[in-house]
Amino acid sequence: MGIIELNERQERILEIVKKQAPITGEKIAELLNVTRAALRPDLAVLTMSGFLEAKPRVGYTFKAEGYGNELKKILNQYRVKEVQSLPIVLKDSCSVYDAIVTLFMEDTGSIFIVDDDNYLCGVVSRKDFLKATLGQADIHKMPVSIIMTRMPNIITTGADDTVVDAVKKIVEHEVDSLPVVRSFIDVEGEEKLEVIGKITKTNIARLFLDLATDGR
C-alpha cells in the first residue's frame, strides 16, 4: 500500500539516534558492528523517509515528526467503512425501559434512534439513560424520543470518510461513537440520513492493534 516498512537494522538505527543524537554514520556503524558502506543504504532510506536528518559535520538527528507523518499516511488510507461495525437502532416510539434493556443486551454504549421512515432523528447514550432513571418518570411509558439528543446536534460520519476524520470528530466532540450515515434529499429538498453503521473508540483501538501486530 505504499507504506514504508522498516527492517530490523533500520529500527535499531532509529533507537541509537534517538538516544545518542547527534551521531555520525561512522559511530552508528561501529555500534552495529558493520561497515559504513553497508550502513549507507539504510541511512539513505531513513533520511529520505523523514525519520532522520543528516547535518554536515554534525551527524544524524532524529525527526520525531517523521513517525507522526508515517502514522498519518497509514491511517489516511483507511476509510470508515473498513472499520465500522453494526449499529444498534430503535424507533423513536420505543420506551426508555425497552431501550435500556436493548443497551445491555447488545452491550453497546449508544443507541441510534430513527423515525417511522427509518431516518436518523436522535441518539441516546448511557448517560441519558442514567438521567432518566434518576427521575420520577415511568420509564415503561416514556418514549425514548423524550431523552434523546436530536438532529442537528448529532455528530455523524460517512462511510467514505477517513478514519482520521472520524477520530477528530470523536475527540473534538468528546463522544464514544459516531453513526455512519448515508445522505438522501427528500422531495421537499431536506436532507435525510440513513444509519448504515457505527464507528467507536473500540473500532479504532482494534485498527491500531491490527497495525501494531501486522494483522497477526
N, C-alpha and C. Protein backbone atom coordinates (compact mmCIF):
# COMPACT_ATOMS: atom_id res chain seq x y z
N MET A 1 0.82 -1.20 0.00
CA MET A 1 0.00 0.00 0.00
C MET A 1 0.86 1.26 0.00
N GLY A 2 2.12 1.12 -0.31
CA GLY A 2 2.98 2.29 -0.40
C GLY A 2 3.54 2.76 0.92
N ILE A 3 3.31 2.00 2.00
CA ILE A 3 3.80 2.39 3.31
C ILE A 3 5.19 1.81 3.53
N ILE A 4 6.09 2.62 4.05
CA ILE A 4 7.45 2.18 4.28
C ILE A 4 7.50 1.25 5.48
N GLU A 5 8.03 0.06 5.28
CA GLU A 5 8.21 -0.88 6.37
C GLU A 5 9.70 -0.95 6.69
N LEU A 6 10.07 -0.57 7.90
CA LEU A 6 11.46 -0.54 8.30
C LEU A 6 11.93 -1.94 8.66
N ASN A 7 13.17 -2.26 8.24
CA ASN A 7 13.72 -3.56 8.63
C ASN A 7 14.34 -3.47 10.02
N GLU A 8 14.81 -4.60 10.51
CA GLU A 8 15.32 -4.66 11.88
C GLU A 8 16.49 -3.71 12.09
N ARG A 9 17.41 -3.67 11.12
CA ARG A 9 18.58 -2.79 11.27
C ARG A 9 18.16 -1.33 11.30
N GLN A 10 17.19 -0.95 10.44
CA GLN A 10 16.74 0.44 10.42
C GLN A 10 16.06 0.83 11.74
N GLU A 11 15.32 -0.10 12.31
CA GLU A 11 14.71 0.17 13.62
C GLU A 11 15.79 0.37 14.68
N ARG A 12 16.85 -0.43 14.62
CA ARG A 12 17.95 -0.29 15.59
C ARG A 12 18.69 1.03 15.39
N ILE A 13 18.82 1.44 14.14
CA ILE A 13 19.46 2.73 13.86
C ILE A 13 18.66 3.86 14.49
N LEU A 14 17.34 3.81 14.35
CA LEU A 14 16.49 4.85 14.94
C LEU A 14 16.64 4.90 16.45
N GLU A 15 16.70 3.75 17.08
CA GLU A 15 16.85 3.71 18.53
C GLU A 15 18.19 4.33 18.95
N ILE A 16 19.22 4.01 18.21
CA ILE A 16 20.55 4.57 18.52
C ILE A 16 20.56 6.09 18.38
N VAL A 17 19.99 6.58 17.27
CA VAL A 17 19.99 8.02 17.02
C VAL A 17 19.13 8.74 18.05
N LYS A 18 18.00 8.15 18.42
CA LYS A 18 17.13 8.78 19.43
C LYS A 18 17.87 8.97 20.76
N LYS A 19 18.72 8.01 21.09
CA LYS A 19 19.42 8.06 22.37
C LYS A 19 20.71 8.88 22.33
N GLN A 20 21.39 8.91 21.17
CA GLN A 20 22.73 9.49 21.13
C GLN A 20 22.90 10.64 20.15
N ALA A 21 21.84 11.10 19.56
CA ALA A 21 21.96 12.20 18.58
C ALA A 21 22.53 13.46 19.22
N PRO A 22 23.31 14.24 18.42
CA PRO A 22 23.75 13.92 17.05
C PRO A 22 24.85 12.86 17.06
N ILE A 23 24.80 12.01 16.06
CA ILE A 23 25.76 10.91 15.99
C ILE A 23 26.15 10.69 14.53
N THR A 24 27.42 10.41 14.30
CA THR A 24 27.90 10.23 12.93
C THR A 24 27.56 8.84 12.41
N GLY A 25 27.60 8.72 11.08
CA GLY A 25 27.37 7.42 10.46
C GLY A 25 28.43 6.41 10.87
N GLU A 26 29.67 6.90 11.02
CA GLU A 26 30.76 6.01 11.43
C GLU A 26 30.50 5.43 12.81
N LYS A 27 30.00 6.27 13.72
CA LYS A 27 29.73 5.81 15.08
C LYS A 27 28.58 4.80 15.10
N ILE A 28 27.54 5.06 14.28
CA ILE A 28 26.41 4.12 14.20
C ILE A 28 26.90 2.77 13.68
N ALA A 29 27.74 2.82 12.63
CA ALA A 29 28.27 1.58 12.06
C ALA A 29 29.09 0.81 13.09
N GLU A 30 29.85 1.55 13.88
CA GLU A 30 30.68 0.91 14.92
C GLU A 30 29.80 0.22 15.97
N LEU A 31 28.72 0.89 16.38
CA LEU A 31 27.82 0.32 17.38
C LEU A 31 27.09 -0.91 16.86
N LEU A 32 26.83 -0.94 15.56
CA LEU A 32 26.13 -2.07 14.96
C LEU A 32 27.09 -3.14 14.44
N ASN A 33 28.38 -2.84 14.55
CA ASN A 33 29.41 -3.79 14.10
C ASN A 33 29.28 -4.12 12.61
N VAL A 34 29.05 -3.07 11.82
CA VAL A 34 29.01 -3.22 10.37
C VAL A 34 29.87 -2.10 9.76
N THR A 35 30.14 -2.22 8.46
CA THR A 35 30.93 -1.18 7.80
C THR A 35 30.05 0.02 7.48
N ARG A 36 30.70 1.16 7.31
CA ARG A 36 29.97 2.38 6.95
C ARG A 36 29.28 2.20 5.60
N ALA A 37 29.94 1.51 4.68
CA ALA A 37 29.36 1.28 3.36
C ALA A 37 28.11 0.43 3.44
N ALA A 38 28.11 -0.57 4.32
CA ALA A 38 26.95 -1.45 4.47
C ALA A 38 25.76 -0.70 5.06
N LEU A 39 26.08 0.33 5.83
CA LEU A 39 25.02 1.08 6.51
C LEU A 39 24.41 2.17 5.62
N ARG A 40 25.15 2.57 4.58
CA ARG A 40 24.74 3.71 3.77
C ARG A 40 23.33 3.58 3.19
N PRO A 41 22.92 2.42 2.66
CA PRO A 41 21.54 2.32 2.11
C PRO A 41 20.47 2.52 3.18
N ASP A 42 20.70 1.98 4.37
CA ASP A 42 19.72 2.14 5.44
C ASP A 42 19.60 3.60 5.87
N LEU A 43 20.71 4.27 5.98
CA LEU A 43 20.69 5.68 6.37
C LEU A 43 20.01 6.53 5.30
N ALA A 44 20.21 6.15 4.05
CA ALA A 44 19.57 6.89 2.95
C ALA A 44 18.05 6.74 3.02
N VAL A 45 17.59 5.51 3.28
CA VAL A 45 16.14 5.26 3.39
C VAL A 45 15.54 6.06 4.53
N LEU A 46 16.19 6.04 5.68
CA LEU A 46 15.68 6.73 6.86
C LEU A 46 15.70 8.24 6.69
N THR A 47 16.69 8.73 5.98
CA THR A 47 16.78 10.18 5.75
C THR A 47 15.73 10.63 4.74
N MET A 48 15.61 9.91 3.64
CA MET A 48 14.65 10.27 2.60
C MET A 48 13.21 10.10 3.07
N SER A 49 12.99 9.21 4.01
CA SER A 49 11.63 8.97 4.53
C SER A 49 11.23 9.97 5.61
N GLY A 50 12.18 10.78 6.05
CA GLY A 50 11.85 11.81 7.04
C GLY A 50 12.04 11.40 8.48
N PHE A 51 12.62 10.21 8.71
CA PHE A 51 12.85 9.77 10.08
C PHE A 51 14.12 10.39 10.67
N LEU A 52 15.13 10.59 9.82
CA LEU A 52 16.40 11.16 10.27
C LEU A 52 16.72 12.41 9.47
N GLU A 53 17.51 13.26 10.09
CA GLU A 53 18.03 14.44 9.40
C GLU A 53 19.55 14.38 9.45
N ALA A 54 20.18 14.52 8.29
CA ALA A 54 21.64 14.47 8.20
C ALA A 54 22.19 15.89 8.15
N LYS A 55 23.04 16.23 9.12
CA LYS A 55 23.64 17.56 9.19
C LYS A 55 25.15 17.45 8.95
N PRO A 56 25.66 18.17 7.94
CA PRO A 56 27.10 18.12 7.64
C PRO A 56 27.94 18.48 8.87
N ARG A 57 28.97 17.70 9.09
CA ARG A 57 29.93 17.90 10.18
C ARG A 57 29.30 17.78 11.57
N VAL A 58 28.06 17.36 11.61
CA VAL A 58 27.38 17.17 12.89
C VAL A 58 26.96 15.71 13.07
N GLY A 59 26.28 15.19 12.08
CA GLY A 59 25.81 13.82 12.15
C GLY A 59 24.31 13.70 11.97
N TYR A 60 23.77 12.60 12.42
CA TYR A 60 22.34 12.33 12.24
C TYR A 60 21.55 12.67 13.50
N THR A 61 20.38 13.26 13.29
CA THR A 61 19.46 13.55 14.38
C THR A 61 18.10 12.94 14.05
N PHE A 62 17.34 12.68 15.09
CA PHE A 62 16.03 12.03 14.93
C PHE A 62 14.95 13.09 14.73
N LYS A 63 14.07 12.87 13.74
CA LYS A 63 12.95 13.77 13.48
C LYS A 63 11.67 13.10 13.96
N ALA A 64 11.21 13.53 15.13
CA ALA A 64 10.03 12.90 15.73
C ALA A 64 8.82 12.99 14.81
N GLU A 65 8.74 14.09 14.03
CA GLU A 65 7.58 14.24 13.16
C GLU A 65 7.56 13.20 12.05
N GLY A 66 8.71 12.57 11.82
CA GLY A 66 8.75 11.51 10.80
C GLY A 66 7.81 10.37 11.15
N TYR A 67 7.82 9.96 12.42
CA TYR A 67 6.91 8.91 12.87
C TYR A 67 5.46 9.37 12.75
N GLY A 68 5.23 10.62 13.14
CA GLY A 68 3.86 11.14 13.06
C GLY A 68 3.35 11.18 11.64
N ASN A 69 4.19 11.62 10.70
CA ASN A 69 3.79 11.68 9.31
C ASN A 69 3.53 10.29 8.75
N GLU A 70 4.37 9.33 9.14
CA GLU A 70 4.18 7.96 8.66
C GLU A 70 2.87 7.38 9.19
N LEU A 71 2.58 7.61 10.47
CA LEU A 71 1.34 7.12 11.05
C LEU A 71 0.14 7.78 10.37
N LYS A 72 0.26 9.07 10.11
CA LYS A 72 -0.83 9.79 9.45
C LYS A 72 -1.08 9.22 8.06
N LYS A 73 -0.01 8.92 7.33
CA LYS A 73 -0.16 8.34 5.99
C LYS A 73 -0.87 6.99 6.06
N ILE A 74 -0.52 6.19 7.07
CA ILE A 74 -1.14 4.88 7.21
C ILE A 74 -2.64 5.02 7.51
N LEU A 75 -2.97 5.85 8.50
CA LEU A 75 -4.37 5.98 8.91
C LEU A 75 -5.23 6.62 7.82
N ASN A 76 -4.64 7.54 7.05
CA ASN A 76 -5.41 8.19 5.99
C ASN A 76 -5.77 7.24 4.86
N GLN A 77 -5.16 6.06 4.84
CA GLN A 77 -5.51 5.08 3.82
C GLN A 77 -6.73 4.26 4.22
N TYR A 78 -7.14 4.35 5.47
CA TYR A 78 -8.29 3.58 5.94
C TYR A 78 -9.54 4.45 5.96
N ARG A 79 -10.62 3.88 5.43
CA ARG A 79 -11.91 4.56 5.42
C ARG A 79 -12.80 3.99 6.52
N VAL A 80 -13.75 4.79 6.92
CA VAL A 80 -14.66 4.39 7.98
C VAL A 80 -15.32 3.05 7.68
N LYS A 81 -15.71 2.84 6.41
CA LYS A 81 -16.41 1.61 6.03
C LYS A 81 -15.55 0.37 6.25
N GLU A 82 -14.23 0.53 6.36
CA GLU A 82 -13.35 -0.62 6.56
C GLU A 82 -13.26 -1.04 8.03
N VAL A 83 -13.67 -0.17 8.94
CA VAL A 83 -13.55 -0.48 10.37
C VAL A 83 -14.86 -0.39 11.12
N GLN A 84 -15.91 0.09 10.47
CA GLN A 84 -17.19 0.28 11.15
C GLN A 84 -17.81 -1.05 11.58
N SER A 85 -18.73 -0.97 12.52
CA SER A 85 -19.45 -2.15 12.98
C SER A 85 -20.95 -1.90 12.84
N LEU A 86 -21.75 -2.91 13.18
CA LEU A 86 -23.20 -2.80 13.04
C LEU A 86 -23.78 -1.85 14.09
N PRO A 87 -24.68 -0.99 13.69
CA PRO A 87 -25.30 -0.06 14.65
C PRO A 87 -26.47 -0.72 15.37
N ILE A 88 -26.78 -0.23 16.55
CA ILE A 88 -27.98 -0.64 17.28
C ILE A 88 -29.00 0.48 17.08
N VAL A 89 -30.10 0.15 16.45
CA VAL A 89 -31.09 1.15 16.03
C VAL A 89 -32.46 0.81 16.61
N LEU A 90 -33.16 1.82 17.14
CA LEU A 90 -34.53 1.65 17.64
C LEU A 90 -35.41 2.78 17.11
N LYS A 91 -36.72 2.53 17.07
CA LYS A 91 -37.67 3.57 16.66
C LYS A 91 -37.87 4.58 17.80
N ASP A 92 -38.23 5.81 17.43
CA ASP A 92 -38.38 6.87 18.44
C ASP A 92 -39.58 6.65 19.35
N SER A 93 -40.46 5.73 18.99
CA SER A 93 -41.61 5.42 19.83
C SER A 93 -41.30 4.36 20.90
N CYS A 94 -40.11 3.78 20.84
CA CYS A 94 -39.70 2.75 21.81
C CYS A 94 -39.63 3.36 23.20
N SER A 95 -39.99 2.61 24.21
CA SER A 95 -39.94 3.12 25.58
C SER A 95 -38.51 3.18 26.09
N VAL A 96 -38.28 4.04 27.06
CA VAL A 96 -36.96 4.15 27.67
C VAL A 96 -36.55 2.82 28.29
N TYR A 97 -37.53 2.14 28.92
CA TYR A 97 -37.23 0.84 29.54
C TYR A 97 -36.73 -0.17 28.51
N ASP A 98 -37.45 -0.31 27.39
CA ASP A 98 -37.06 -1.26 26.35
C ASP A 98 -35.70 -0.88 25.75
N ALA A 99 -35.44 0.41 25.65
CA ALA A 99 -34.16 0.87 25.11
C ALA A 99 -33.02 0.51 26.05
N ILE A 100 -33.26 0.63 27.37
CA ILE A 100 -32.24 0.26 28.35
C ILE A 100 -31.95 -1.24 28.28
N VAL A 101 -32.99 -2.03 28.14
CA VAL A 101 -32.81 -3.48 28.00
C VAL A 101 -31.96 -3.78 26.76
N THR A 102 -32.27 -3.11 25.66
CA THR A 102 -31.51 -3.30 24.42
C THR A 102 -30.05 -2.90 24.61
N LEU A 103 -29.84 -1.79 25.33
CA LEU A 103 -28.49 -1.29 25.57
C LEU A 103 -27.62 -2.36 26.23
N PHE A 104 -28.18 -3.01 27.24
CA PHE A 104 -27.39 -4.01 27.97
C PHE A 104 -27.34 -5.36 27.24
N MET A 105 -28.42 -5.72 26.57
CA MET A 105 -28.42 -6.97 25.82
C MET A 105 -27.41 -6.93 24.67
N GLU A 106 -27.29 -5.77 24.04
CA GLU A 106 -26.38 -5.62 22.90
C GLU A 106 -24.98 -5.16 23.34
N ASP A 107 -24.83 -4.85 24.64
CA ASP A 107 -23.55 -4.39 25.18
C ASP A 107 -22.98 -3.24 24.36
N THR A 108 -23.77 -2.19 24.22
CA THR A 108 -23.37 -1.03 23.44
C THR A 108 -23.40 0.22 24.30
N GLY A 109 -22.73 1.26 23.86
CA GLY A 109 -22.68 2.49 24.63
C GLY A 109 -23.73 3.50 24.21
N SER A 110 -24.17 3.41 22.96
CA SER A 110 -25.16 4.35 22.44
C SER A 110 -26.13 3.62 21.51
N ILE A 111 -27.34 4.16 21.43
CA ILE A 111 -28.35 3.63 20.52
C ILE A 111 -28.79 4.75 19.60
N PHE A 112 -28.88 4.46 18.32
CA PHE A 112 -29.32 5.45 17.34
C PHE A 112 -30.82 5.31 17.12
N ILE A 113 -31.51 6.43 17.13
CA ILE A 113 -32.97 6.44 17.05
C ILE A 113 -33.41 6.93 15.67
N VAL A 114 -34.38 6.22 15.11
CA VAL A 114 -34.88 6.58 13.78
C VAL A 114 -36.38 6.84 13.84
N ASP A 115 -36.86 7.58 12.84
CA ASP A 115 -38.29 7.88 12.78
C ASP A 115 -39.03 6.77 12.03
N ASP A 116 -40.29 7.02 11.73
CA ASP A 116 -41.11 6.00 11.07
C ASP A 116 -40.60 5.66 9.67
N ASP A 117 -39.86 6.57 9.06
CA ASP A 117 -39.29 6.33 7.73
C ASP A 117 -37.87 5.76 7.80
N ASN A 118 -37.46 5.42 9.04
CA ASN A 118 -36.13 4.83 9.29
C ASN A 118 -34.97 5.79 9.02
N TYR A 119 -35.24 7.08 9.17
CA TYR A 119 -34.18 8.07 9.05
C TYR A 119 -33.73 8.51 10.45
N LEU A 120 -32.45 8.79 10.57
CA LEU A 120 -31.88 9.18 11.87
C LEU A 120 -32.55 10.44 12.41
N CYS A 121 -32.97 10.35 13.67
CA CYS A 121 -33.57 11.53 14.30
C CYS A 121 -33.01 11.79 15.69
N GLY A 122 -32.25 10.82 16.24
CA GLY A 122 -31.71 11.04 17.57
C GLY A 122 -30.69 9.99 17.97
N VAL A 123 -30.07 10.21 19.12
CA VAL A 123 -29.12 9.26 19.69
C VAL A 123 -29.24 9.33 21.21
N VAL A 124 -29.16 8.17 21.87
CA VAL A 124 -29.19 8.14 23.33
C VAL A 124 -27.98 7.36 23.83
N SER A 125 -27.41 7.85 24.92
CA SER A 125 -26.22 7.24 25.50
C SER A 125 -26.53 6.70 26.89
N ARG A 126 -25.57 6.03 27.47
CA ARG A 126 -25.73 5.52 28.84
C ARG A 126 -26.01 6.67 29.81
N LYS A 127 -25.37 7.81 29.58
CA LYS A 127 -25.58 8.97 30.46
C LYS A 127 -27.04 9.45 30.39
N ASP A 128 -27.60 9.45 29.18
CA ASP A 128 -29.01 9.86 29.02
C ASP A 128 -29.94 8.93 29.79
N PHE A 129 -29.66 7.63 29.71
CA PHE A 129 -30.49 6.65 30.42
C PHE A 129 -30.37 6.80 31.93
N LEU A 130 -29.15 7.08 32.38
CA LEU A 130 -28.94 7.27 33.81
C LEU A 130 -29.75 8.45 34.34
N LYS A 131 -29.73 9.54 33.60
CA LYS A 131 -30.50 10.72 34.00
C LYS A 131 -31.99 10.40 34.05
N ALA A 132 -32.47 9.62 33.08
CA ALA A 132 -33.89 9.29 33.02
C ALA A 132 -34.31 8.42 34.20
N THR A 133 -33.48 7.47 34.57
CA THR A 133 -33.83 6.56 35.67
C THR A 133 -33.71 7.22 37.03
N LEU A 134 -32.96 8.30 37.13
CA LEU A 134 -32.83 9.01 38.41
C LEU A 134 -34.05 9.87 38.72
N GLY A 135 -34.86 10.13 37.69
CA GLY A 135 -36.05 10.95 37.88
C GLY A 135 -37.23 10.12 38.36
N GLN A 136 -38.39 10.75 38.39
CA GLN A 136 -39.60 10.10 38.89
C GLN A 136 -40.49 9.58 37.77
N ALA A 137 -40.08 9.75 36.54
CA ALA A 137 -40.91 9.36 35.41
C ALA A 137 -41.02 7.84 35.28
N ASP A 138 -42.10 7.39 34.70
CA ASP A 138 -42.31 5.96 34.45
C ASP A 138 -41.60 5.61 33.15
N ILE A 139 -40.43 4.96 33.24
CA ILE A 139 -39.63 4.69 32.04
C ILE A 139 -40.27 3.61 31.17
N HIS A 140 -41.30 2.91 31.69
CA HIS A 140 -42.01 1.94 30.86
C HIS A 140 -42.94 2.65 29.87
N LYS A 141 -43.38 3.84 30.22
CA LYS A 141 -44.30 4.60 29.36
C LYS A 141 -43.63 5.74 28.61
N MET A 142 -42.46 6.18 29.11
CA MET A 142 -41.78 7.31 28.48
C MET A 142 -41.11 6.88 27.17
N PRO A 143 -41.42 7.54 26.03
CA PRO A 143 -40.75 7.21 24.78
C PRO A 143 -39.31 7.70 24.81
N VAL A 144 -38.45 6.97 24.15
CA VAL A 144 -37.04 7.32 24.16
C VAL A 144 -36.78 8.68 23.49
N SER A 145 -37.72 9.10 22.67
CA SER A 145 -37.57 10.40 21.99
C SER A 145 -37.52 11.56 22.97
N ILE A 146 -38.04 11.37 24.19
CA ILE A 146 -38.05 12.43 25.21
C ILE A 146 -36.64 12.73 25.70
N ILE A 147 -35.79 11.72 25.76
CA ILE A 147 -34.46 11.91 26.37
C ILE A 147 -33.33 11.93 25.35
N MET A 148 -33.63 11.69 24.07
CA MET A 148 -32.56 11.59 23.07
C MET A 148 -32.01 12.95 22.66
N THR A 149 -30.79 12.95 22.20
CA THR A 149 -30.21 14.13 21.54
C THR A 149 -30.74 14.14 20.12
N ARG A 150 -31.22 15.29 19.68
CA ARG A 150 -31.89 15.36 18.39
C ARG A 150 -31.00 15.98 17.31
N MET A 151 -31.37 15.72 16.07
CA MET A 151 -30.77 16.43 14.97
C MET A 151 -31.15 17.91 15.10
N PRO A 152 -30.29 18.87 14.75
CA PRO A 152 -29.00 18.67 14.08
C PRO A 152 -27.81 18.59 15.04
N ASN A 153 -28.06 18.22 16.28
CA ASN A 153 -26.98 18.17 17.28
C ASN A 153 -26.29 16.82 17.35
N ILE A 154 -26.45 16.01 16.32
CA ILE A 154 -25.82 14.70 16.28
C ILE A 154 -24.61 14.75 15.34
N ILE A 155 -23.47 14.32 15.84
CA ILE A 155 -22.25 14.31 15.03
C ILE A 155 -22.21 12.99 14.26
N THR A 156 -22.09 13.07 12.95
CA THR A 156 -22.11 11.88 12.11
C THR A 156 -20.83 11.78 11.27
N THR A 157 -20.68 10.64 10.62
CA THR A 157 -19.58 10.46 9.68
C THR A 157 -20.09 9.63 8.51
N GLY A 158 -19.38 9.70 7.39
CA GLY A 158 -19.77 8.94 6.21
C GLY A 158 -18.87 7.73 6.02
N ALA A 159 -19.35 6.76 5.27
CA ALA A 159 -18.60 5.52 5.07
C ALA A 159 -17.28 5.76 4.35
N ASP A 160 -17.23 6.78 3.49
CA ASP A 160 -16.01 7.05 2.72
C ASP A 160 -15.10 8.08 3.39
N ASP A 161 -15.48 8.58 4.56
CA ASP A 161 -14.60 9.48 5.31
C ASP A 161 -13.39 8.71 5.80
N THR A 162 -12.28 9.40 6.00
CA THR A 162 -11.10 8.72 6.53
C THR A 162 -11.27 8.46 8.02
N VAL A 163 -10.57 7.44 8.51
CA VAL A 163 -10.59 7.15 9.94
C VAL A 163 -10.06 8.34 10.72
N VAL A 164 -9.07 9.04 10.16
CA VAL A 164 -8.51 10.22 10.83
C VAL A 164 -9.60 11.27 11.05
N ASP A 165 -10.44 11.51 10.03
CA ASP A 165 -11.53 12.49 10.18
C ASP A 165 -12.51 12.06 11.27
N ALA A 166 -12.81 10.76 11.32
CA ALA A 166 -13.73 10.25 12.34
C ALA A 166 -13.14 10.40 13.73
N VAL A 167 -11.86 10.10 13.86
CA VAL A 167 -11.19 10.23 15.16
C VAL A 167 -11.22 11.69 15.63
N LYS A 168 -10.99 12.62 14.71
CA LYS A 168 -11.03 14.04 15.06
C LYS A 168 -12.39 14.42 15.63
N LYS A 169 -13.46 13.93 15.01
CA LYS A 169 -14.81 14.24 15.49
C LYS A 169 -15.06 13.65 16.86
N ILE A 170 -14.63 12.40 17.06
CA ILE A 170 -14.82 11.75 18.35
C ILE A 170 -14.09 12.50 19.46
N VAL A 171 -12.86 12.93 19.17
CA VAL A 171 -12.06 13.64 20.17
C VAL A 171 -12.61 15.05 20.42
N GLU A 172 -12.88 15.78 19.34
CA GLU A 172 -13.33 17.17 19.47
C GLU A 172 -14.68 17.29 20.17
N HIS A 173 -15.57 16.33 19.91
CA HIS A 173 -16.93 16.41 20.49
C HIS A 173 -17.10 15.54 21.72
N GLU A 174 -16.01 14.84 22.12
CA GLU A 174 -16.00 14.03 23.34
C GLU A 174 -17.15 13.03 23.38
N VAL A 175 -17.27 12.26 22.30
CA VAL A 175 -18.29 11.21 22.23
C VAL A 175 -17.59 9.86 22.09
N ASP A 176 -18.34 8.79 22.40
CA ASP A 176 -17.76 7.45 22.34
C ASP A 176 -17.92 6.81 20.97
N SER A 177 -18.90 7.28 20.20
CA SER A 177 -19.14 6.68 18.89
C SER A 177 -19.82 7.67 17.97
N LEU A 178 -19.79 7.34 16.68
CA LEU A 178 -20.46 8.15 15.66
C LEU A 178 -21.33 7.24 14.80
N PRO A 179 -22.54 7.69 14.44
CA PRO A 179 -23.30 6.92 13.46
C PRO A 179 -22.70 7.14 12.08
N VAL A 180 -22.57 6.05 11.33
CA VAL A 180 -22.14 6.15 9.94
C VAL A 180 -23.40 6.26 9.11
N VAL A 181 -23.51 7.31 8.31
CA VAL A 181 -24.78 7.59 7.63
C VAL A 181 -24.62 7.73 6.12
N ARG A 182 -25.74 7.47 5.44
CA ARG A 182 -25.86 7.74 4.01
C ARG A 182 -26.88 8.84 3.85
N SER A 183 -26.55 9.85 3.07
CA SER A 183 -27.41 11.04 2.96
C SER A 183 -28.35 10.96 1.76
N PHE A 184 -29.61 11.42 1.98
CA PHE A 184 -30.60 11.50 0.93
C PHE A 184 -31.24 12.88 0.96
N ILE A 185 -31.73 13.33 -0.17
CA ILE A 185 -32.52 14.56 -0.24
C ILE A 185 -33.94 14.17 -0.60
N ASP A 186 -34.89 14.52 0.29
CA ASP A 186 -36.27 14.12 0.04
C ASP A 186 -36.96 15.05 -0.96
N VAL A 187 -38.23 14.79 -1.22
CA VAL A 187 -38.96 15.56 -2.23
C VAL A 187 -39.11 17.03 -1.85
N GLU A 188 -38.98 17.32 -0.57
CA GLU A 188 -39.10 18.71 -0.11
C GLU A 188 -37.74 19.40 -0.05
N GLY A 189 -36.71 18.68 -0.49
CA GLY A 189 -35.37 19.27 -0.53
C GLY A 189 -34.63 19.21 0.79
N GLU A 190 -35.14 18.44 1.75
CA GLU A 190 -34.49 18.32 3.05
C GLU A 190 -33.58 17.10 3.08
N GLU A 191 -32.45 17.23 3.79
CA GLU A 191 -31.51 16.12 3.90
C GLU A 191 -32.00 15.12 4.93
N LYS A 192 -31.97 13.85 4.55
CA LYS A 192 -32.32 12.76 5.45
C LYS A 192 -31.13 11.82 5.55
N LEU A 193 -30.94 11.23 6.74
CA LEU A 193 -29.78 10.39 6.97
C LEU A 193 -30.20 8.97 7.34
N GLU A 194 -29.67 8.02 6.59
CA GLU A 194 -29.90 6.61 6.89
C GLU A 194 -28.70 6.06 7.64
N VAL A 195 -28.94 5.40 8.78
CA VAL A 195 -27.85 4.83 9.58
C VAL A 195 -27.41 3.50 8.96
N ILE A 196 -26.14 3.41 8.56
CA ILE A 196 -25.64 2.19 7.93
C ILE A 196 -24.52 1.54 8.74
N GLY A 197 -24.14 2.15 9.85
CA GLY A 197 -23.08 1.58 10.67
C GLY A 197 -22.74 2.49 11.83
N LYS A 198 -21.72 2.12 12.56
CA LYS A 198 -21.22 2.97 13.63
C LYS A 198 -19.71 2.79 13.71
N ILE A 199 -19.02 3.83 14.15
CA ILE A 199 -17.59 3.73 14.43
C ILE A 199 -17.36 4.19 15.85
N THR A 200 -16.66 3.37 16.62
CA THR A 200 -16.49 3.61 18.04
C THR A 200 -15.01 3.67 18.41
N LYS A 201 -14.76 4.04 19.64
CA LYS A 201 -13.38 4.02 20.14
C LYS A 201 -12.81 2.60 20.08
N THR A 202 -13.67 1.62 20.27
CA THR A 202 -13.21 0.22 20.21
C THR A 202 -12.80 -0.15 18.79
N ASN A 203 -13.58 0.28 17.78
CA ASN A 203 -13.20 0.04 16.39
C ASN A 203 -11.82 0.60 16.09
N ILE A 204 -11.58 1.81 16.58
CA ILE A 204 -10.31 2.48 16.32
C ILE A 204 -9.17 1.77 17.05
N ALA A 205 -9.43 1.36 18.29
CA ALA A 205 -8.41 0.63 19.05
C ALA A 205 -8.03 -0.67 18.35
N ARG A 206 -9.04 -1.36 17.78
CA ARG A 206 -8.76 -2.61 17.07
C ARG A 206 -7.91 -2.35 15.83
N LEU A 207 -8.17 -1.23 15.15
CA LEU A 207 -7.36 -0.90 13.97
C LEU A 207 -5.90 -0.68 14.38
N PHE A 208 -5.68 0.05 15.47
CA PHE A 208 -4.32 0.28 15.95
C PHE A 208 -3.65 -1.04 16.33
N LEU A 209 -4.42 -1.93 16.95
CA LEU A 209 -3.86 -3.23 17.33
C LEU A 209 -3.48 -4.03 16.10
N ASP A 210 -4.34 -4.02 15.08
CA ASP A 210 -4.03 -4.74 13.83
C ASP A 210 -2.77 -4.19 13.18
N LEU A 211 -2.64 -2.86 13.19
CA LEU A 211 -1.45 -2.24 12.59
C LEU A 211 -0.19 -2.59 13.38
N ALA A 212 -0.32 -2.60 14.71
CA ALA A 212 0.83 -2.87 15.56
C ALA A 212 1.30 -4.31 15.46
N THR A 213 0.34 -5.22 15.22
CA THR A 213 0.69 -6.64 15.15
C THR A 213 0.79 -7.15 13.72
N ASP A 214 0.64 -6.22 12.75
CA ASP A 214 0.76 -6.55 11.33
C ASP A 214 -0.25 -7.61 10.92
N GLY A 215 -1.46 -7.51 11.55
CA GLY A 215 -2.54 -8.42 11.17
C GLY A 215 -2.44 -9.79 11.80
N ARG A 216 -1.45 -10.05 12.64
CA ARG A 216 -1.30 -11.38 13.24
C ARG A 216 -2.15 -11.49 14.49
